[in-house]
C-alpha atoms as a PDB file:
ATOM      1  CA  MET A   1     -47.562  -8.298  16.368  1.00  0.00           C
ATOM      2  CA  ASN A   2     -47.464  -7.731  13.046  1.00  0.00           C
ATOM      3  CA  ILE A   3     -46.048  -4.043  14.147  1.00  0.00           C
ATOM      4  CA  MET A   4     -43.432  -5.330  15.991  1.00  0.00           C
ATOM      5  CA  ARG A   5     -42.248  -7.917  13.553  1.00  0.00           C
ATOM      6  CA  LYS A   6     -41.943  -5.241  11.048  1.00  0.00           C
ATOM      7  CA  MET A   7     -40.506  -3.006  13.569  1.00  0.00           C
ATOM      8  CA  ALA A   8     -37.001  -6.317  14.784  1.00  0.00           C
ATOM      9  CA  ALA A   9     -36.737  -7.134  10.572  1.00  0.00           C
ATOM     10  CA  ILE A  10     -35.898  -2.792  10.352  1.00  0.00           C
ATOM     11  CA  LEU A  11     -33.511  -3.384  13.491  1.00  0.00           C
ATOM     12  CA  PHE A  12     -32.596  -5.451  12.150  1.00  0.00           C
ATOM     13  CA  ALA A  13     -31.506  -4.637   8.562  1.00  0.00           C
ATOM     14  CA  ALA A  14     -30.355  -1.317  10.634  1.00  0.00           C
ATOM     15  CA  ALA A  15     -28.073  -2.981  12.767  1.00  0.00           C
ATOM     16  CA  MET A  16     -26.130  -4.832  10.210  1.00  0.00           C
ATOM     17  CA  LEU A  17     -26.024  -1.709   7.832  1.00  0.00           C
ATOM     18  CA  ILE A  18     -23.997  -0.326  10.612  1.00  0.00           C
ATOM     19  CA  GLY A  19     -22.016  -3.157  11.141  1.00  0.00           C
ATOM     20  CA  GLY A  20     -21.154  -3.662   7.758  1.00  0.00           C
ATOM     21  CA  THR A  21     -20.043   0.399   7.366  1.00  0.00           C
ATOM     22  CA  CYS A  22     -17.620   0.248  10.648  1.00  0.00           C
ATOM     23  CA  PHE A  23     -15.897  -2.254   9.187  1.00  0.00           C
ATOM     24  CA  THR A  24     -15.494  -0.634   5.772  1.00  0.00           C
ATOM     25  CA  ALA A  25     -14.379   2.640   7.512  1.00  0.00           C
ATOM     26  CA  PHE A  26     -12.024   1.044   9.752  1.00  0.00           C
ATOM     27  CA  ALA A  27     -10.791  -1.894   7.273  1.00  0.00           C
ATOM     28  CA  SER A  28     -10.096   1.704   5.403  1.00  0.00           C
ATOM     29  CA  SER A  29      -8.341   3.150   7.548  1.00  0.00           C
ATOM     30  CA  GLN A  30      -5.978   1.046   8.486  1.00  0.00           C
ATOM     31  CA  GLU A  31      -5.351   0.460   4.782  1.00  0.00           C
ATOM     32  CA  GLN A  32      -4.147   4.396   3.560  1.00  0.00           C
ATOM     33  CA  LYS A  33      -0.742   5.276   4.148  1.00  0.00           C
ATOM     34  CA  THR A  34       1.335   8.404   4.103  1.00  0.00           C
ATOM     35  CA  PRO A  35       3.938   8.312   1.271  1.00  0.00           C
ATOM     36  CA  ILE A  36       7.017   9.004   2.910  1.00  0.00           C
ATOM     37  CA  TYR A  37       9.714  10.594   0.629  1.00  0.00           C
ATOM     38  CA  ALA A  38      13.968  11.652   0.388  1.00  0.00           C
ATOM     39  CA  GLU A  39      13.312  14.428   2.036  1.00  0.00           C
ATOM     40  CA  SER A  40      12.521  12.744   5.374  1.00  0.00           C
ATOM     41  CA  LEU A  41      15.132   9.652   5.629  1.00  0.00           C
ATOM     42  CA  ASN A  42      18.574  10.306   6.442  1.00  0.00           C
ATOM     43  CA  SER A  43      20.916   8.545   3.757  1.00  0.00           C
ATOM     44  CA  GLY A  44      22.322   5.879   3.396  1.00  0.00           C
ATOM     45  CA  ARG A  45      21.189   2.109   1.950  1.00  0.00           C
ATOM     46  CA  TYR A  46      18.100   0.159   3.155  1.00  0.00           C
ATOM     47  CA  GLU A  47      17.092  -3.355   2.900  1.00  0.00           C
ATOM     48  CA  ILE A  48      13.778  -2.841   1.947  1.00  0.00           C
ATOM     49  CA  GLU A  49      10.460  -5.300   0.428  1.00  0.00           C
ATOM     50  CA  VAL A  50       9.021  -4.195  -2.668  1.00  0.00           C
ATOM     51  CA  THR A  51       4.665  -5.018  -3.455  1.00  0.00           C
ATOM     52  CA  SER A  52       4.165  -5.674  -7.329  1.00  0.00           C
ATOM     53  CA  SER A  53       0.984  -6.388  -8.449  1.00  0.00           C
ATOM     54  CA  ALA A  54       1.856 -10.152 -10.817  1.00  0.00           C
ATOM     55  CA  SER A  55       3.444 -12.931  -9.544  1.00  0.00           C
ATOM     56  CA  MET A  56       5.689 -13.461 -12.772  1.00  0.00           C
ATOM     57  CA  PHE A  57       7.382 -10.012 -11.293  1.00  0.00           C
ATOM     58  CA  ARG A  58       8.280 -10.817  -7.731  1.00  0.00           C
ATOM     59  CA  ILE A  59      11.427  -8.885  -6.336  1.00  0.00           C
ATOM     60  CA  VAL A  60      13.676 -10.973  -3.954  1.00  0.00           C
ATOM     61  CA  HIS A  61      15.284  -8.855  -2.613  1.00  0.00           C
ATOM     62  CA  CYS A  62      15.310  -4.697  -2.975  1.00  0.00           C
ATOM     63  CA  GLU A  63      18.189  -1.378  -1.371  1.00  0.00           C
ATOM     64  CA  LEU A  64      17.010   1.635  -0.706  1.00  0.00           C
ATOM     65  CA  VAL A  65      19.416   4.358  -1.217  1.00  0.00           C
ATOM     66  CA  VAL A  66      18.667   7.662  -0.580  1.00  0.00           C
ATOM     67  CA  SER A  67      21.190  10.641  -1.702  1.00  0.00           C
ATOM     68  CA  GLY A  68      19.697  14.143   0.000  1.00  0.00           C
ATOM     69  CA  SER A  69      16.827  14.855  -1.995  1.00  0.00           C
ATOM     70  CA  ASP A  70      16.759  11.431  -4.266  1.00  0.00           C
ATOM     71  CA  MET A  71      15.974   7.876  -3.549  1.00  0.00           C
ATOM     72  CA  THR A  72      16.635   4.496  -6.231  1.00  0.00           C
ATOM     73  CA  ALA A  73      16.825   1.106  -5.390  1.00  0.00           C
ATOM     74  CA  GLU A  74      18.155  -2.020  -6.392  1.00  0.00           C
ATOM     75  CA  MET A  75      15.876  -4.733  -7.552  1.00  0.00           C
ATOM     76  CA  THR A  76      16.532  -8.506  -7.975  1.00  0.00           C
ATOM     77  CA  LEU A  77      14.084 -10.266  -9.947  1.00  0.00           C
ATOM     78  CA  SER A  78      13.149 -13.757  -9.025  1.00  0.00           C
ATOM     79  CA  GLY A  79      13.441 -14.443 -13.024  1.00  0.00           C
ATOM     80  CA  LYS A  80      14.641 -12.936 -16.050  1.00  0.00           C
ATOM     81  CA  GLY A  81      11.881 -12.870 -18.169  1.00  0.00           C
ATOM     82  CA  TYR A  82      12.887  -9.036 -18.669  1.00  0.00           C
ATOM     83  CA  GLU A  83      14.638  -7.382 -20.704  1.00  0.00           C
ATOM     84  CA  LYS A  84      14.387  -3.769 -19.304  1.00  0.00           C
ATOM     85  CA  LEU A  85      11.902  -2.021 -17.437  1.00  0.00           C
ATOM     86  CA  TYR A  86      10.137   1.645 -17.871  1.00  0.00           C
ATOM     87  CA  MET A  87       8.784   2.997 -14.597  1.00  0.00           C
ATOM     88  CA  GLY A  88       5.861   4.329 -16.197  1.00  0.00           C
ATOM     89  CA  THR A  89       2.751   2.543 -17.919  1.00  0.00           C
ATOM     90  CA  SER A  90       3.120   0.489 -21.007  1.00  0.00           C
ATOM     91  CA  GLU A  91       1.405   3.179 -23.190  1.00  0.00           C
ATOM     92  CA  GLN A  92       4.550   5.866 -22.327  1.00  0.00           C
ATOM     93  CA  ALA A  93       7.347   3.131 -22.225  1.00  0.00           C
ATOM     94  CA  GLU A  94       6.039   2.404 -25.713  1.00  0.00           C
ATOM     95  CA  LYS A  95       7.039   5.989 -26.727  1.00  0.00           C
ATOM     96  CA  ALA A  96       9.526   6.530 -24.595  1.00  0.00           C
ATOM     97  CA  ASP A  97      13.257   6.897 -26.341  1.00  0.00           C
ATOM     98  CA  GLU A  98      15.368   3.743 -25.458  1.00  0.00           C
ATOM     99  CA  SER A  99      17.322   6.324 -22.763  1.00  0.00           C
ATOM    100  CA  GLU A 100      14.411   6.062 -20.575  1.00  0.00           C
ATOM    101  CA  TYR A 101      14.201   2.124 -20.089  1.00  0.00           C
ATOM    102  CA  ILE A 102      16.498   0.712 -17.503  1.00  0.00           C
ATOM    103  CA  PHE A 103      18.481  -2.719 -18.366  1.00  0.00           C
ATOM    104  CA  PHE A 104      19.232  -5.341 -16.345  1.00  0.00           C
ATOM    105  CA  THR A 105      22.766  -6.315 -14.682  1.00  0.00           C
ATOM    106  CA  GLU A 106      23.311  -9.871 -13.111  1.00  0.00           C
ATOM    107  CA  ASP A 107      24.944  -9.310  -9.870  1.00  0.00           C
ATOM    108  CA  ALA A 108      27.309 -12.277  -8.397  1.00  0.00           C
ATOM    109  CA  ASP A 109      24.497 -15.155  -8.343  1.00  0.00           C
ATOM    110  CA  GLY A 110      24.011 -14.293 -11.827  1.00  0.00           C
ATOM    111  CA  LYS A 111      20.521 -12.895 -11.411  1.00  0.00           C
ATOM    112  CA  TYR A 112      19.370  -9.701 -12.834  1.00  0.00           C
ATOM    113  CA  THR A 113      18.752  -6.599 -11.359  1.00  0.00           C
ATOM    114  CA  TYR A 114      17.402  -3.102 -11.905  1.00  0.00           C
ATOM    115  CA  THR A 115      18.333   0.070 -10.767  1.00  0.00           C
ATOM    116  CA  VAL A 116      14.749   2.462 -10.961  1.00  0.00           C
ATOM    117  CA  PRO A 117      14.167   5.563  -8.710  1.00  0.00           C
ATOM    118  CA  VAL A 118      11.938   6.067  -6.628  1.00  0.00           C
ATOM    119  CA  GLU A 119       8.955   8.753  -5.813  1.00  0.00           C
ATOM    120  CA  ALA A 120       8.196   8.135  -2.265  1.00  0.00           C
ATOM    121  CA  LEU A 121       7.829   4.592   0.098  1.00  0.00           C
ATOM    122  CA  ASP A 122       4.913   3.888   0.678  1.00  0.00           C
ATOM    123  CA  LYS A 123       2.918   4.928  -2.801  1.00  0.00           C
ATOM    124  CA  GLU A 124       1.452   3.069  -5.386  1.00  0.00           C
ATOM    125  CA  THR A 125       4.060   3.569  -9.099  1.00  0.00           C
ATOM    126  CA  ASP A 126       3.219   2.076 -12.389  1.00  0.00           C
ATOM    127  CA  CYS A 127       6.474   0.026 -13.270  1.00  0.00           C
ATOM    128  CA  ALA A 128       5.938  -1.394 -17.542  1.00  0.00           C
ATOM    129  CA  ALA A 129       8.155  -3.822 -17.812  1.00  0.00           C
ATOM    130  CA  TYR A 130       9.330  -5.568 -20.934  1.00  0.00           C
ATOM    131  CA  SER A 131       8.992  -9.220 -21.687  1.00  0.00           C
ATOM    132  CA  PHE A 132      12.339 -11.610 -23.823  1.00  0.00           C
ATOM    133  CA  LYS A 133       9.711 -14.059 -24.534  1.00  0.00           C
ATOM    134  CA  LYS A 134       6.499 -11.990 -25.940  1.00  0.00           C
ATOM    135  CA  GLN A 135       8.495  -8.855 -26.864  1.00  0.00           C
ATOM    136  CA  ARG A 136       5.780  -6.536 -25.544  1.00  0.00           C
ATOM    137  CA  TRP A 137       5.539  -4.151 -22.219  1.00  0.00           C
ATOM    138  CA  TYR A 138       3.354  -5.339 -19.510  1.00  0.00           C
ATOM    139  CA  ASP A 139       2.027  -3.432 -16.606  1.00  0.00           C
ATOM    140  CA  ARG A 140       3.130  -3.668 -13.033  1.00  0.00           C
ATOM    141  CA  LYS A 141       2.481  -1.666  -9.791  1.00  0.00           C
ATOM    142  CA  LEU A 142       4.885  -1.577  -7.842  1.00  0.00           C
ATOM    143  CA  VAL A 143       4.875  -0.246  -4.192  1.00  0.00           C
ATOM    144  CA  PHE A 144       8.601   0.286  -1.783  1.00  0.00           C
ATOM    145  CA  GLU A 145       7.574  -0.849   1.460  1.00  0.00           C
ATOM    146  CA  SER A 146       9.386   1.240   4.663  1.00  0.00           C
ATOM    147  CA  SER A 147       8.194  -1.776   6.300  1.00  0.00           C
ATOM    148  CA  LEU A 148      12.077  -2.714   7.853  1.00  0.00           C
ATOM    149  CA  LEU A 149      12.988   0.666   7.928  1.00  0.00           C
ATOM    150  CA  SER A 150      14.105   1.177  11.460  1.00  0.00           C
ATOM    151  CA  GLY A 151      13.998   4.313  13.725  1.00  0.00           C
ATOM    152  CA  SER A 152      17.138   5.493  12.938  1.00  0.00           C
ATOM    153  CA  ALA A 153      15.921   5.581   8.955  1.00  0.00           C
ATOM    154  CA  PHE A 154      14.430   8.856   9.694  1.00  0.00           C
ATOM    155  CA  ALA A 155      15.541  12.366   9.607  1.00  0.00           C
ATOM    156  CA  ALA A 156      15.212  14.162  12.774  1.00  0.00           C
ATOM    157  CA  ASN A 157      12.031  16.518  11.593  1.00  0.00           C
ATOM    158  CA  GLU A 158      10.126  18.673  14.269  1.00  0.00           C
ATOM    159  CA  ASP A 159       7.473  19.667  10.954  1.00  0.00           C
ATOM    160  CA  ILE A 160       6.912  14.801  10.187  1.00  0.00           C
ATOM    161  CA  VAL A 161       6.420  15.110  13.670  1.00  0.00           C
ATOM    162  CA  GLU A 162       4.022  17.164  14.412  1.00  0.00           C
ATOM    163  CA  GLU A 163       2.353  15.743  10.906  1.00  0.00           C
ATOM    164  CA  GLU A 164       2.160  12.751  12.391  1.00  0.00           C
ATOM    165  CA  THR A 165       0.995  13.039  15.779  1.00  0.00           C
ATOM    166  CA  GLU A 166      -2.081  15.823  14.081  1.00  0.00           C
ATOM    167  CA  ASN A 167      -2.593  12.186  12.391  1.00  0.00           C
ATOM    168  CA  GLY A 168      -3.252  10.444  15.444  1.00  0.00           C
ATOM    169  CA  ALA A 169      -5.278  12.561  17.234  1.00  0.00           C
ATOM    170  CA  ALA A 170      -7.420  12.808  14.043  1.00  0.00           C
ATOM    171  CA  PHE A 171      -8.413   9.088  14.078  1.00  0.00           C
ATOM    172  CA  THR A 172      -8.637   8.746  16.958  1.00  0.00           C
ATOM    173  CA  PRO A 173     -12.233  10.025  17.479  1.00  0.00           C
ATOM    174  CA  TRP A 174     -12.893   8.232  14.091  1.00  0.00           C
ATOM    175  CA  LEU A 175     -11.929   5.424  16.012  1.00  0.00           C
ATOM    176  CA  ILE A 176     -14.153   6.081  19.172  1.00  0.00           C
ATOM    177  CA  VAL A 177     -17.083   6.946  16.457  1.00  0.00           C
ATOM    178  CA  ILE A 178     -17.007   3.695  14.771  1.00  0.00           C
ATOM    179  CA  VAL A 179     -16.784   1.998  17.695  1.00  0.00           C
ATOM    180  CA  ALA A 180     -19.526   2.757  19.167  1.00  0.00           C
ATOM    181  CA  LEU A 181     -21.998   2.709  16.291  1.00  0.00           C
ATOM    182  CA  CYS A 182     -19.906  -0.513  16.222  1.00  0.00           C
ATOM    183  CA  ALA A 183     -21.169  -1.577  19.485  1.00  0.00           C
ATOM    184  CA  ALA A 184     -24.719   0.087  18.685  1.00  0.00           C
ATOM    185  CA  GLY A 185     -25.592  -2.007  16.062  1.00  0.00           C
ATOM    186  CA  ALA A 186     -24.329  -5.247  17.828  1.00  0.00           C
ATOM    187  CA  ILE A 187     -26.758  -4.265  21.327  1.00  0.00           C
ATOM    188  CA  ALA A 188     -29.438  -3.372  18.544  1.00  0.00           C
ATOM    189  CA  ALA A 189     -29.061  -7.598  16.688  1.00  0.00           C
ATOM    190  CA  ILE A 190     -29.214  -8.840  20.480  1.00  0.00           C
ATOM    191  CA  VAL A 191     -32.682  -6.857  21.553  1.00  0.00           C
ATOM    192  CA  ILE A 192     -34.328  -8.602  18.132  1.00  0.00           C
ATOM    193  CA  LEU A 193     -32.895 -12.438  18.375  1.00  0.00           C
ATOM    194  CA  ARG A 194     -34.390 -12.091  22.030  1.00  0.00           C
ATOM    195  CA  PHE A 195     -37.708 -10.600  21.126  1.00  0.00           C
ATOM    196  CA  LYS A 196     -37.710 -13.207  17.914  1.00  0.00           C
ATOM    197  CA  ARG A 197     -37.493 -16.022  21.308  1.00  0.00           C
ATOM    198  CA  LYS A 198     -40.141 -15.718  22.735  1.00  0.00           C
END
């Protein structure tokens, strides 16, 4: 009987481990995004969202401008606490020439707007912001999101379509394996619970 209890405990622990591993793997696969570069987009102006790592550095409006192989973003902040930006870390900003700093302009409503270069969408980007009040640079992480872009924004590119298809095909078998492992873990847990009740 003790041996059976030990086996049940081992099976239960294995089921929990499998379930946790499945959840982590699935969550990670969902979070990963492929960066989108200017070459994948048609030239034009598009409204996008920007995710910021700091609540004190909140972007309330942003327009992406695509021109050939270049992208810039016109970001409007919620407040007026920052004099200038630098697309890099605070350490790099302190050593940079003043010509590399990005100063604000005021829009029609008096809000501060900064025009910054964008390397890629859906990719974490370093941005240092210089505080008026504290007179120092602060590190921020920005992600220029592609979620609001419609299909017409994307350039017709067979290579890109083929790559996305391959990525999807590669992901599908992994999803099947994850689901199968989760099912096995669930079955093992049910068997263990029934055994304990007897």
